[in-house]
Amino acid sequence: MSTISSYAPVPATGRRGLALAAGRGLGRIVTYAPLIKPRIISLVVFTAVVACFLAARGRPAVETLLLLILSGGLSSGGAAALNHYVDRDIDPHMARTRRRPLPMGQIRRPGLVLLAGLTFILVGLVLAATVNLALALWELTGAFVYVVVYTVWLKRRTPMNIVIGGFAGSAAVLGGWAAVDPALGIVPWLLAGVVFLWTPAHFWSLAIVRRDDYDRVHVPMLPVSLTADQAAWSVLIHVIATVTTSALVGAAAHLGPLYLATAAFAGFIFLRAGIALVRQPGQDTGWRAFKLSGPYLGLIFVGILLDTVWSVLRA
């Protein structure tokens, strides 16, 4: 008897069932993906990776790099999910957040978000610990600051919420460096300082645009507590501090012309946006400053990465 006769093709109904199952699976991914805030997490992980490259002088071990990306993505994504869980009561009342999965009713069991967030963080920390305990500690610090210190404790209590909460992003940079060199020196702290100072300028620019949203839900972001002029000056002061610190990074890390040119260009654009906001405080200039702040930080770290890799290629 031919072995071909034992082959049983998948019935049409079975194929349709598989397609429906695949479609439902994809639908769940699309529904749950916003919980981890992919755009924010990608920037957080990227800054950690660049810090790792700089600490290793452009030659990080592939295994270390992969574990850093995976653990950092999981722990940061888990923290973002917990932020969704904690803020589920105010998110429906804000234009910026009302289309998130929980306010939209796409996820009807908030406890699943809580469980997923905690699980992601735990798995991320276990993976980080396989690199070294310093990386695990900094990833835990970042998650703790973002979820407990910022979201739970400070966000609804003080206009300084994002100033202190900004250390969550700094912890990712310090973790990236610690994955190679746990003994942190001046360079990683300056690099973390760039992120720390950039964070208020980034979020306050958005808060100027969304002032009514934050006021409605009684979240005292700085632009809610100050006049428009005062909020604009607060943004510009942090922009100047960020650009200055980025220059100090270049000097302390002995970075070359690739970084200096990139940092100068990005700093000029960022400063111009901050000055425009002070000259004419409002939603248009606030939105422009916010939209330029993300690319600014990205360019600073791209410049570091390119300069570091170029130094290896020249050697």
C-alpha atoms as a PDB file:
ATOM      1  CA  MET A   1       0.000   0.000   0.000  1.00  0.00           C
ATOM      2  CA  SER A   2       1.349   3.405  -0.954  1.00  0.00           C
ATOM      3  CA  THR A   3       2.428   5.660   1.893  1.00  0.00           C
ATOM      4  CA  ILE A   4       0.817   8.551   0.038  1.00  0.00           C
ATOM      5  CA  SER A   5      -2.616   7.169   0.896  1.00  0.00           C
ATOM      6  CA  SER A   6      -1.982   7.900   4.589  1.00  0.00           C
ATOM      7  CA  TYR A   7      -1.833  11.657   3.926  1.00  0.00           C
ATOM      8  CA  ALA A   8      -4.982  13.447   5.070  1.00  0.00           C
ATOM      9  CA  PRO A   9      -5.366  17.019   3.773  1.00  0.00           C
ATOM     10  CA  VAL A  10      -6.663  19.682   6.149  1.00  0.00           C
ATOM     11  CA  PRO A  11     -10.388  20.156   5.454  1.00  0.00           C
ATOM     12  CA  ALA A  12     -11.519  23.547   4.210  1.00  0.00           C
ATOM     13  CA  THR A  13     -13.374  24.095   7.465  1.00  0.00           C
ATOM     14  CA  GLY A  14     -10.180  23.230   9.360  1.00  0.00           C
ATOM     15  CA  ARG A  15      -8.192  25.741   7.330  1.00  0.00           C
ATOM     16  CA  ARG A  16     -10.791  28.390   8.037  1.00  0.00           C
ATOM     17  CA  GLY A  17     -10.587  27.498  11.722  1.00  0.00           C
ATOM     18  CA  LEU A  18      -6.818  27.874  11.703  1.00  0.00           C
ATOM     19  CA  ALA A  19      -7.133  31.213   9.927  1.00  0.00           C
ATOM     20  CA  LEU A  20      -9.708  32.403  12.466  1.00  0.00           C
ATOM     21  CA  ALA A  21      -7.502  31.269  15.345  1.00  0.00           C
ATOM     22  CA  ALA A  22      -4.518  33.064  13.823  1.00  0.00           C
ATOM     23  CA  GLY A  23      -6.639  36.155  13.340  1.00  0.00           C
ATOM     24  CA  ARG A  24      -7.779  36.078  16.957  1.00  0.00           C
ATOM     25  CA  GLY A  25      -4.183  35.655  18.103  1.00  0.00           C
ATOM     26  CA  LEU A  26      -3.072  38.633  16.017  1.00  0.00           C
ATOM     27  CA  GLY A  27      -6.017  40.609  17.345  1.00  0.00           C
ATOM     28  CA  ARG A  28      -4.947  39.923  20.927  1.00  0.00           C
ATOM     29  CA  ILE A  29      -1.412  41.086  20.136  1.00  0.00           C
ATOM     30  CA  VAL A  30      -2.746  44.304  18.605  1.00  0.00           C
ATOM     31  CA  THR A  31      -4.975  44.817  21.651  1.00  0.00           C
ATOM     32  CA  TYR A  32      -2.305  44.157  24.275  1.00  0.00           C
ATOM     33  CA  ALA A  33       0.662  45.801  22.509  1.00  0.00           C
ATOM     34  CA  PRO A  34      -0.160  49.378  23.608  1.00  0.00           C
ATOM     35  CA  LEU A  35       0.104  48.261  27.238  1.00  0.00           C
ATOM     36  CA  ILE A  36       3.888  48.106  26.991  1.00  0.00           C
ATOM     37  CA  LYS A  37       4.143  51.522  25.262  1.00  0.00           C
ATOM     38  CA  PRO A  38       6.332  50.253  22.380  1.00  0.00           C
ATOM     39  CA  ARG A  39       7.638  53.646  21.230  1.00  0.00           C
ATOM     40  CA  ILE A  40       8.741  54.672  24.711  1.00  0.00           C
ATOM     41  CA  ILE A  41      10.206  51.256  25.469  1.00  0.00           C
ATOM     42  CA  SER A  42      12.177  51.211  22.221  1.00  0.00           C
ATOM     43  CA  LEU A  43      13.811  54.519  23.187  1.00  0.00           C
ATOM     44  CA  VAL A  44      14.543  53.294  26.724  1.00  0.00           C
ATOM     45  CA  VAL A  45      16.142  50.077  25.448  1.00  0.00           C
ATOM     46  CA  PHE A  46      18.083  51.953  22.766  1.00  0.00           C
ATOM     47  CA  THR A  47      19.657  54.303  25.316  1.00  0.00           C
ATOM     48  CA  ALA A  48      20.670  51.289  27.413  1.00  0.00           C
ATOM     49  CA  VAL A  49      22.208  49.578  24.381  1.00  0.00           C
ATOM     50  CA  VAL A  50      24.205  52.692  23.461  1.00  0.00           C
ATOM     51  CA  ALA A  51      25.482  52.973  27.043  1.00  0.00           C
ATOM     52  CA  CYS A  52      26.546  49.335  26.786  1.00  0.00           C
ATOM     53  CA  PHE A  53      28.444  50.022  23.552  1.00  0.00           C
ATOM     54  CA  LEU A  54      30.175  53.032  25.072  1.00  0.00           C
ATOM     55  CA  ALA A  55      31.171  51.098  28.212  1.00  0.00           C
ATOM     56  CA  ALA A  56      32.600  48.311  26.046  1.00  0.00           C
ATOM     57  CA  ARG A  57      34.339  50.786  23.731  1.00  0.00           C
ATOM     58  CA  GLY A  58      32.276  49.511  20.824  1.00  0.00           C
ATOM     59  CA  ARG A  59      32.849  45.814  21.447  1.00  0.00           C
ATOM     60  CA  PRO A  60      30.107  44.439  23.732  1.00  0.00           C
ATOM     61  CA  ALA A  61      29.630  40.676  23.828  1.00  0.00           C
ATOM     62  CA  VAL A  62      26.722  39.589  21.632  1.00  0.00           C
ATOM     63  CA  GLU A  63      25.203  37.521  24.434  1.00  0.00           C
ATOM     64  CA  THR A  64      25.344  40.486  26.820  1.00  0.00           C
ATOM     65  CA  LEU A  65      23.738  42.741  24.233  1.00  0.00           C
ATOM     66  CA  LEU A  66      20.895  40.324  23.501  1.00  0.00           C
ATOM     67  CA  LEU A  67      20.169  39.748  27.187  1.00  0.00           C
ATOM     68  CA  LEU A  68      20.237  43.495  27.811  1.00  0.00           C
ATOM     69  CA  ILE A  69      17.702  44.103  25.034  1.00  0.00           C
ATOM     70  CA  LEU A  70      15.412  41.275  26.111  1.00  0.00           C
ATOM     71  CA  SER A  71      15.562  41.934  29.850  1.00  0.00           C
ATOM     72  CA  GLY A  72      15.287  45.689  29.420  1.00  0.00           C
ATOM     73  CA  GLY A  73      12.329  45.356  27.071  1.00  0.00           C
ATOM     74  CA  LEU A  74      10.514  43.015  29.439  1.00  0.00           C
ATOM     75  CA  SER A  75      11.117  44.988  32.631  1.00  0.00           C
ATOM     76  CA  SER A  76      10.307  48.334  30.987  1.00  0.00           C
ATOM     77  CA  GLY A  77       7.270  46.885  29.225  1.00  0.00           C
ATOM     78  CA  GLY A  78       6.053  45.372  32.485  1.00  0.00           C
ATOM     79  CA  ALA A  79       6.406  48.733  34.232  1.00  0.00           C
ATOM     80  CA  ALA A  80       4.437  50.393  31.431  1.00  0.00           C
ATOM     81  CA  ALA A  81       1.648  47.833  31.824  1.00  0.00           C
ATOM     82  CA  LEU A  82       1.479  48.532  35.557  1.00  0.00           C
ATOM     83  CA  ASN A  83       1.229  52.246  34.747  1.00  0.00           C
ATOM     84  CA  HIS A  84      -1.854  51.435  32.628  1.00  0.00           C
ATOM     85  CA  TYR A  85      -3.293  49.413  35.506  1.00  0.00           C
ATOM     86  CA  VAL A  86      -2.787  52.127  38.138  1.00  0.00           C
ATOM     87  CA  ASP A  87      -4.090  54.940  35.909  1.00  0.00           C
ATOM     88  CA  ARG A  88      -7.157  53.073  34.655  1.00  0.00           C
ATOM     89  CA  ASP A  89      -9.424  55.389  36.681  1.00  0.00           C
ATOM     90  CA  ILE A  90      -8.203  58.642  35.107  1.00  0.00           C
ATOM     91  CA  ASP A  91      -7.287  57.472  31.602  1.00  0.00           C
ATOM     92  CA  PRO A  92     -10.916  57.504  30.317  1.00  0.00           C
ATOM     93  CA  HIS A  93     -11.141  61.234  31.111  1.00  0.00           C
ATOM     94  CA  MET A  94      -8.047  62.335  29.164  1.00  0.00           C
ATOM     95  CA  ALA A  95      -7.985  62.796  25.386  1.00  0.00           C
ATOM     96  CA  ARG A  96      -4.433  61.450  25.200  1.00  0.00           C
ATOM     97  CA  THR A  97      -5.188  58.212  27.058  1.00  0.00           C
ATOM     98  CA  ARG A  98      -8.875  57.426  26.624  1.00  0.00           C
ATOM     99  CA  ARG A  99      -8.205  55.104  23.683  1.00  0.00           C
ATOM    100  CA  ARG A 100      -5.938  52.813  25.686  1.00  0.00           C
ATOM    101  CA  PRO A 101      -7.065  49.162  25.945  1.00  0.00           C
ATOM    102  CA  LEU A 102      -8.485  49.399  29.479  1.00  0.00           C
ATOM    103  CA  PRO A 103     -10.562  52.600  28.999  1.00  0.00           C
ATOM    104  CA  MET A 104     -11.828  51.269  25.655  1.00  0.00           C
ATOM    105  CA  GLY A 105     -13.015  48.054  27.303  1.00  0.00           C
ATOM    106  CA  GLN A 106     -10.840  45.931  25.009  1.00  0.00           C
ATOM    107  CA  ILE A 107      -9.443  44.279  28.134  1.00  0.00           C
ATOM    108  CA  ARG A 108     -12.251  43.597  30.596  1.00  0.00           C
ATOM    109  CA  ARG A 109     -10.154  42.072  33.377  1.00  0.00           C
ATOM    110  CA  PRO A 110      -7.657  44.627  34.738  1.00  0.00           C
ATOM    111  CA  GLY A 111      -6.163  41.923  36.919  1.00  0.00           C
ATOM    112  CA  LEU A 112      -4.680  40.350  33.788  1.00  0.00           C
ATOM    113  CA  VAL A 113      -2.779  43.575  33.102  1.00  0.00           C
ATOM    114  CA  LEU A 114      -1.475  43.585  36.666  1.00  0.00           C
ATOM    115  CA  LEU A 115      -0.391  39.950  36.370  1.00  0.00           C
ATOM    116  CA  ALA A 116       1.239  40.491  32.978  1.00  0.00           C
ATOM    117  CA  GLY A 117       3.137  43.548  34.199  1.00  0.00           C
ATOM    118  CA  LEU A 118       4.517  41.812  37.270  1.00  0.00           C
ATOM    119  CA  THR A 119       5.419  38.707  35.248  1.00  0.00           C
ATOM    120  CA  PHE A 120       7.260  40.718  32.603  1.00  0.00           C
ATOM    121  CA  ILE A 121       9.289  42.531  35.253  1.00  0.00           C
ATOM    122  CA  LEU A 122      10.143  39.305  37.082  1.00  0.00           C
ATOM    123  CA  VAL A 123      11.250  37.501  33.920  1.00  0.00           C
ATOM    124  CA  GLY A 124      13.235  40.553  32.843  1.00  0.00           C
ATOM    125  CA  LEU A 125      15.067  40.684  36.163  1.00  0.00           C
ATOM    126  CA  VAL A 126      15.884  36.964  36.048  1.00  0.00           C
ATOM    127  CA  LEU A 127      17.380  37.405  32.570  1.00  0.00           C
ATOM    128  CA  ALA A 128      19.290  40.508  33.683  1.00  0.00           C
ATOM    129  CA  ALA A 129      20.760  38.612  36.633  1.00  0.00           C
ATOM    130  CA  THR A 130      22.331  36.140  34.212  1.00  0.00           C
ATOM    131  CA  VAL A 131      24.469  39.042  32.978  1.00  0.00           C
ATOM    132  CA  ASN A 132      25.240  40.446  36.437  1.00  0.00           C
ATOM    133  CA  LEU A 133      23.432  41.603  39.549  1.00  0.00           C
ATOM    134  CA  ALA A 134      24.195  45.252  38.827  1.00  0.00           C
ATOM    135  CA  LEU A 135      22.104  45.159  35.638  1.00  0.00           C
ATOM    136  CA  ALA A 136      19.245  43.466  37.491  1.00  0.00           C
ATOM    137  CA  LEU A 137      19.433  46.084  40.253  1.00  0.00           C
ATOM    138  CA  TRP A 138      19.254  49.009  37.835  1.00  0.00           C
ATOM    139  CA  GLU A 139      16.371  47.470  35.890  1.00  0.00           C
ATOM    140  CA  LEU A 140      14.521  46.886  39.164  1.00  0.00           C
ATOM    141  CA  THR A 141      15.264  50.492  40.175  1.00  0.00           C
ATOM    142  CA  GLY A 142      13.875  51.806  36.888  1.00  0.00           C
ATOM    143  CA  ALA A 143      10.665  49.788  37.208  1.00  0.00           C
ATOM    144  CA  PHE A 144      10.236  50.727  40.887  1.00  0.00           C
ATOM    145  CA  VAL A 145      10.754  54.446  40.262  1.00  0.00           C
ATOM    146  CA  TYR A 146       8.351  54.514  37.306  1.00  0.00           C
ATOM    147  CA  VAL A 147       5.577  52.461  38.900  1.00  0.00           C
ATOM    148  CA  VAL A 148       5.776  53.100  42.634  1.00  0.00           C
ATOM    149  CA  VAL A 149       7.594  56.419  43.034  1.00  0.00           C
ATOM    150  CA  TYR A 150       6.172  58.226  39.994  1.00  0.00           C
ATOM    151  CA  THR A 151       2.823  56.634  39.104  1.00  0.00           C
ATOM    152  CA  VAL A 152       1.540  55.634  42.544  1.00  0.00           C
ATOM    153  CA  TRP A 153       3.175  58.139  44.898  1.00  0.00           C
ATOM    154  CA  LEU A 154       4.094  61.413  43.152  1.00  0.00           C
ATOM    155  CA  LYS A 155       2.022  61.778  39.983  1.00  0.00           C
ATOM    156  CA  ARG A 156      -1.162  62.930  41.718  1.00  0.00           C
ATOM    157  CA  ARG A 157       0.545  64.735  44.622  1.00  0.00           C
ATOM    158  CA  THR A 158       3.191  67.171  43.411  1.00  0.00           C
ATOM    159  CA  PRO A 159       4.217  69.203  40.338  1.00  0.00           C
ATOM    160  CA  MET A 160       7.693  67.736  40.817  1.00  0.00           C
ATOM    161  CA  ASN A 161       6.369  64.274  39.875  1.00  0.00           C
ATOM    162  CA  ILE A 162       8.128  63.934  36.552  1.00  0.00           C
ATOM    163  CA  VAL A 163      11.360  65.523  37.836  1.00  0.00           C
ATOM    164  CA  ILE A 164      11.892  62.684  40.291  1.00  0.00           C
ATOM    165  CA  GLY A 165      10.154  60.108  38.098  1.00  0.00           C
ATOM    166  CA  GLY A 166      12.598  60.925  35.319  1.00  0.00           C
ATOM    167  CA  PHE A 167      15.213  58.831  37.100  1.00  0.00           C
ATOM    168  CA  ALA A 168      13.436  55.745  35.724  1.00  0.00           C
ATOM    169  CA  GLY A 169      14.910  56.506  32.301  1.00  0.00           C
ATOM    170  CA  SER A 170      18.297  57.274  33.804  1.00  0.00           C
ATOM    171  CA  ALA A 171      18.327  53.858  35.466  1.00  0.00           C
ATOM    172  CA  ALA A 172      18.116  52.207  32.038  1.00  0.00           C
ATOM    173  CA  VAL A 173      21.270  54.034  30.925  1.00  0.00           C
ATOM    174  CA  LEU A 174      23.111  53.091  34.105  1.00  0.00           C
ATOM    175  CA  GLY A 175      21.963  49.493  33.650  1.00  0.00           C
ATOM    176  CA  GLY A 176      23.283  49.400  30.100  1.00  0.00           C
ATOM    177  CA  TRP A 177      26.681  50.573  31.296  1.00  0.00           C
ATOM    178  CA  ALA A 178      26.642  48.238  34.313  1.00  0.00           C
ATOM    179  CA  ALA A 179      26.054  45.250  32.027  1.00  0.00           C
ATOM    180  CA  VAL A 180      29.695  45.727  30.987  1.00  0.00           C
ATOM    181  CA  ASP A 181      31.207  47.669  33.885  1.00  0.00           C
ATOM    182  CA  PRO A 182      29.310  47.643  37.224  1.00  0.00           C
ATOM    183  CA  ALA A 183      31.759  50.202  38.641  1.00  0.00           C
ATOM    184  CA  LEU A 184      30.091  53.362  37.363  1.00  0.00           C
ATOM    185  CA  GLY A 185      32.280  56.377  36.704  1.00  0.00           C
ATOM    186  CA  ILE A 186      31.599  59.967  35.654  1.00  0.00           C
ATOM    187  CA  VAL A 187      30.627  59.149  32.038  1.00  0.00           C
ATOM    188  CA  PRO A 188      27.605  56.929  32.735  1.00  0.00           C
ATOM    189  CA  TRP A 189      26.348  59.366  35.369  1.00  0.00           C
ATOM    190  CA  LEU A 190      26.604  62.257  32.917  1.00  0.00           C
ATOM    191  CA  LEU A 191      24.845  60.155  30.292  1.00  0.00           C
ATOM    192  CA  ALA A 192      22.110  59.345  32.797  1.00  0.00           C
ATOM    193  CA  GLY A 193      21.961  63.055  33.577  1.00  0.00           C
ATOM    194  CA  VAL A 194      21.090  63.830  29.964  1.00  0.00           C
ATOM    195  CA  VAL A 195      18.027  61.586  30.209  1.00  0.00           C
ATOM    196  CA  PHE A 196      17.138  62.880  33.687  1.00  0.00           C
ATOM    197  CA  LEU A 197      17.185  66.538  32.596  1.00  0.00           C
ATOM    198  CA  TRP A 198      15.537  65.839  29.241  1.00  0.00           C
ATOM    199  CA  THR A 199      12.516  64.095  30.778  1.00  0.00           C
ATOM    200  CA  PRO A 200      10.852  67.168  32.357  1.00  0.00           C
ATOM    201  CA  ALA A 201      11.388  69.234  29.206  1.00  0.00           C
ATOM    202  CA  HIS A 202       9.784  66.447  27.166  1.00  0.00           C
ATOM    203  CA  PHE A 203       6.759  65.854  29.407  1.00  0.00           C
ATOM    204  CA  TRP A 204       6.142  69.478  30.387  1.00  0.00           C
ATOM    205  CA  SER A 205       5.988  70.429  26.714  1.00  0.00           C
ATOM    206  CA  LEU A 206       3.263  67.825  26.287  1.00  0.00           C
ATOM    207  CA  ALA A 207       1.554  68.956  29.501  1.00  0.00           C
ATOM    208  CA  ILE A 208       1.354  72.514  28.134  1.00  0.00           C
ATOM    209  CA  VAL A 209      -0.607  71.110  25.196  1.00  0.00           C
ATOM    210  CA  ARG A 210      -2.733  68.797  27.367  1.00  0.00           C
ATOM    211  CA  ARG A 211      -3.087  71.150  30.330  1.00  0.00           C
ATOM    212  CA  ASP A 212      -6.888  70.830  30.442  1.00  0.00           C
ATOM    213  CA  ASP A 213      -6.620  67.033  30.501  1.00  0.00           C
ATOM    214  CA  TYR A 214      -4.353  67.004  33.541  1.00  0.00           C
ATOM    215  CA  ASP A 215      -6.408  69.685  35.278  1.00  0.00           C
ATOM    216  CA  ARG A 216      -9.600  67.694  34.705  1.00  0.00           C
ATOM    217  CA  VAL A 217      -8.246  64.615  36.478  1.00  0.00           C
ATOM    218  CA  HIS A 218      -6.454  66.640  39.186  1.00  0.00           C
ATOM    219  CA  VAL A 219      -2.932  65.599  38.190  1.00  0.00           C
ATOM    220  CA  PRO A 220      -0.699  68.561  39.173  1.00  0.00           C
ATOM    221  CA  MET A 221       1.716  68.539  36.256  1.00  0.00           C
ATOM    222  CA  LEU A 222       3.847  71.690  36.417  1.00  0.00           C
ATOM    223  CA  PRO A 223       2.009  73.548  33.598  1.00  0.00           C
ATOM    224  CA  VAL A 224      -1.233  73.065  35.569  1.00  0.00           C
ATOM    225  CA  SER A 225       0.282  74.684  38.651  1.00  0.00           C
ATOM    226  CA  LEU A 226       2.107  77.553  36.910  1.00  0.00           C
ATOM    227  CA  THR A 227       1.260  80.254  34.396  1.00  0.00           C
ATOM    228  CA  ALA A 228       1.993  79.564  30.715  1.00  0.00           C
ATOM    229  CA  ASP A 229       5.068  81.834  30.842  1.00  0.00           C
ATOM    230  CA  GLN A 230       6.455  80.118  33.928  1.00  0.00           C
ATOM    231  CA  ALA A 231       5.894  76.665  32.440  1.00  0.00           C
ATOM    232  CA  ALA A 232       7.618  77.671  29.199  1.00  0.00           C
ATOM    233  CA  TRP A 233      10.645  78.992  31.104  1.00  0.00           C
ATOM    234  CA  SER A 234      10.790  75.752  33.103  1.00  0.00           C
ATOM    235  CA  VAL A 235      10.969  73.824  29.838  1.00  0.00           C
ATOM    236  CA  LEU A 236      13.700  76.072  28.409  1.00  0.00           C
ATOM    237  CA  ILE A 237      15.841  75.843  31.573  1.00  0.00           C
ATOM    238  CA  HIS A 238      15.750  72.043  31.326  1.00  0.00           C
ATOM    239  CA  VAL A 239      16.499  72.181  27.603  1.00  0.00           C
ATOM    240  CA  ILE A 240      19.605  74.308  28.288  1.00  0.00           C
ATOM    241  CA  ALA A 241      20.684  71.966  31.088  1.00  0.00           C
ATOM    242  CA  THR A 242      20.192  68.924  28.849  1.00  0.00           C
ATOM    243  CA  VAL A 243      22.187  70.371  25.954  1.00  0.00           C
ATOM    244  CA  THR A 244      24.975  71.462  28.325  1.00  0.00           C
ATOM    245  CA  THR A 245      25.182  68.005  29.889  1.00  0.00           C
ATOM    246  CA  SER A 246      25.306  66.364  26.467  1.00  0.00           C
ATOM    247  CA  ALA A 247      28.383  68.502  25.706  1.00  0.00           C
ATOM    248  CA  LEU A 248      29.980  67.366  28.968  1.00  0.00           C
ATOM    249  CA  VAL A 249      29.354  63.746  27.938  1.00  0.00           C
ATOM    250  CA  GLY A 250      31.350  64.324  24.766  1.00  0.00           C
ATOM    251  CA  ALA A 251      34.272  65.796  26.717  1.00  0.00           C
ATOM    252  CA  ALA A 252      34.280  63.195  29.503  1.00  0.00           C
ATOM    253  CA  ALA A 253      33.985  60.229  27.112  1.00  0.00           C
ATOM    254  CA  HIS A 254      36.519  61.688  24.645  1.00  0.00           C
ATOM    255  CA  LEU A 255      34.032  61.391  21.798  1.00  0.00           C
ATOM    256  CA  GLY A 256      35.054  62.625  18.379  1.00  0.00           C
ATOM    257  CA  PRO A 257      33.676  64.852  15.609  1.00  0.00           C
ATOM    258  CA  LEU A 258      30.806  62.529  14.677  1.00  0.00           C
ATOM    259  CA  TYR A 259      29.248  62.931  18.099  1.00  0.00           C
ATOM    260  CA  LEU A 260      30.103  66.613  18.422  1.00  0.00           C
ATOM    261  CA  ALA A 261      28.494  67.442  15.064  1.00  0.00           C
ATOM    262  CA  THR A 262      25.387  65.399  15.860  1.00  0.00           C
ATOM    263  CA  ALA A 263      25.035  66.878  19.346  1.00  0.00           C
ATOM    264  CA  ALA A 264      25.543  70.424  18.056  1.00  0.00           C
ATOM    265  CA  PHE A 265      22.875  70.009  15.368  1.00  0.00           C
ATOM    266  CA  ALA A 266      20.379  68.328  17.695  1.00  0.00           C
ATOM    267  CA  GLY A 267      21.058  70.851  20.469  1.00  0.00           C
ATOM    268  CA  PHE A 268      20.506  73.801  18.135  1.00  0.00           C
ATOM    269  CA  ILE A 269      17.112  72.446  17.034  1.00  0.00           C
ATOM    270  CA  PHE A 270      16.063  71.647  20.607  1.00  0.00           C
ATOM    271  CA  LEU A 271      17.162  75.047  21.927  1.00  0.00           C
ATOM    272  CA  ARG A 272      15.365  76.853  19.140  1.00  0.00           C
ATOM    273  CA  ALA A 273      12.144  75.006  20.005  1.00  0.00           C
ATOM    274  CA  GLY A 274      12.548  75.932  23.688  1.00  0.00           C
ATOM    275  CA  ILE A 275      13.193  79.598  22.882  1.00  0.00           C
ATOM    276  CA  ALA A 276      10.156  79.688  20.573  1.00  0.00           C
ATOM    277  CA  LEU A 277       8.042  78.296  23.413  1.00  0.00           C
ATOM    278  CA  VAL A 278       9.219  81.057  25.785  1.00  0.00           C
ATOM    279  CA  ARG A 279       8.596  83.759  23.201  1.00  0.00           C
ATOM    280  CA  GLN A 280       5.075  82.550  22.490  1.00  0.00           C
ATOM    281  CA  PRO A 281       3.790  80.065  25.089  1.00  0.00           C
ATOM    282  CA  GLY A 282       0.933  78.043  23.693  1.00  0.00           C
ATOM    283  CA  GLN A 283      -0.251  74.744  22.337  1.00  0.00           C
ATOM    284  CA  ASP A 284       1.415  75.093  18.919  1.00  0.00           C
ATOM    285  CA  THR A 285       4.874  75.879  20.269  1.00  0.00           C
ATOM    286  CA  GLY A 286       4.426  73.364  23.095  1.00  0.00           C
ATOM    287  CA  TRP A 287       3.535  70.644  20.607  1.00  0.00           C
ATOM    288  CA  ARG A 288       6.535  71.524  18.436  1.00  0.00           C
ATOM    289  CA  ALA A 289       8.878  71.339  21.429  1.00  0.00           C
ATOM    290  CA  PHE A 290       7.380  67.998  22.445  1.00  0.00           C
ATOM    291  CA  LYS A 291       7.640  66.503  18.955  1.00  0.00           C
ATOM    292  CA  LEU A 292      11.272  67.597  18.623  1.00  0.00           C
ATOM    293  CA  SER A 293      12.323  66.409  22.082  1.00  0.00           C
ATOM    294  CA  GLY A 294      12.122  62.700  21.215  1.00  0.00           C
ATOM    295  CA  PRO A 295      14.273  62.971  18.068  1.00  0.00           C
ATOM    296  CA  TYR A 296      16.726  65.129  20.033  1.00  0.00           C
ATOM    297  CA  LEU A 297      17.391  62.402  22.578  1.00  0.00           C
ATOM    298  CA  GLY A 298      17.511  59.786  19.839  1.00  0.00           C
ATOM    299  CA  LEU A 299      20.084  61.808  17.878  1.00  0.00           C
ATOM    300  CA  ILE A 300      22.298  62.279  20.933  1.00  0.00           C
ATOM    301  CA  PHE A 301      22.495  58.530  21.465  1.00  0.00           C
ATOM    302  CA  VAL A 302      22.817  57.794  17.740  1.00  0.00           C
ATOM    303  CA  GLY A 303      25.768  60.192  17.704  1.00  0.00           C
ATOM    304  CA  ILE A 304      27.391  58.331  20.604  1.00  0.00           C
ATOM    305  CA  LEU A 305      26.835  54.987  18.906  1.00  0.00           C
ATOM    306  CA  LEU A 306      28.204  56.110  15.538  1.00  0.00           C
ATOM    307  CA  ASP A 307      31.241  57.744  17.103  1.00  0.00           C
ATOM    308  CA  THR A 308      31.980  54.683  19.239  1.00  0.00           C
ATOM    309  CA  VAL A 309      31.624  52.225  16.352  1.00  0.00           C
ATOM    310  CA  TRP A 310      33.671  54.485  14.067  1.00  0.00           C
ATOM    311  CA  SER A 311      36.494  54.514  16.610  1.00  0.00           C
ATOM    312  CA  VAL A 312      36.535  50.690  16.548  1.00  0.00           C
ATOM    313  CA  LEU A 313      36.574  50.593  12.740  1.00  0.00           C
ATOM    314  CA  ARG A 314      39.489  53.016  12.601  1.00  0.00           C
ATOM    315  CA  ALA A 315      41.543  51.072  15.150  1.00  0.00           C
END
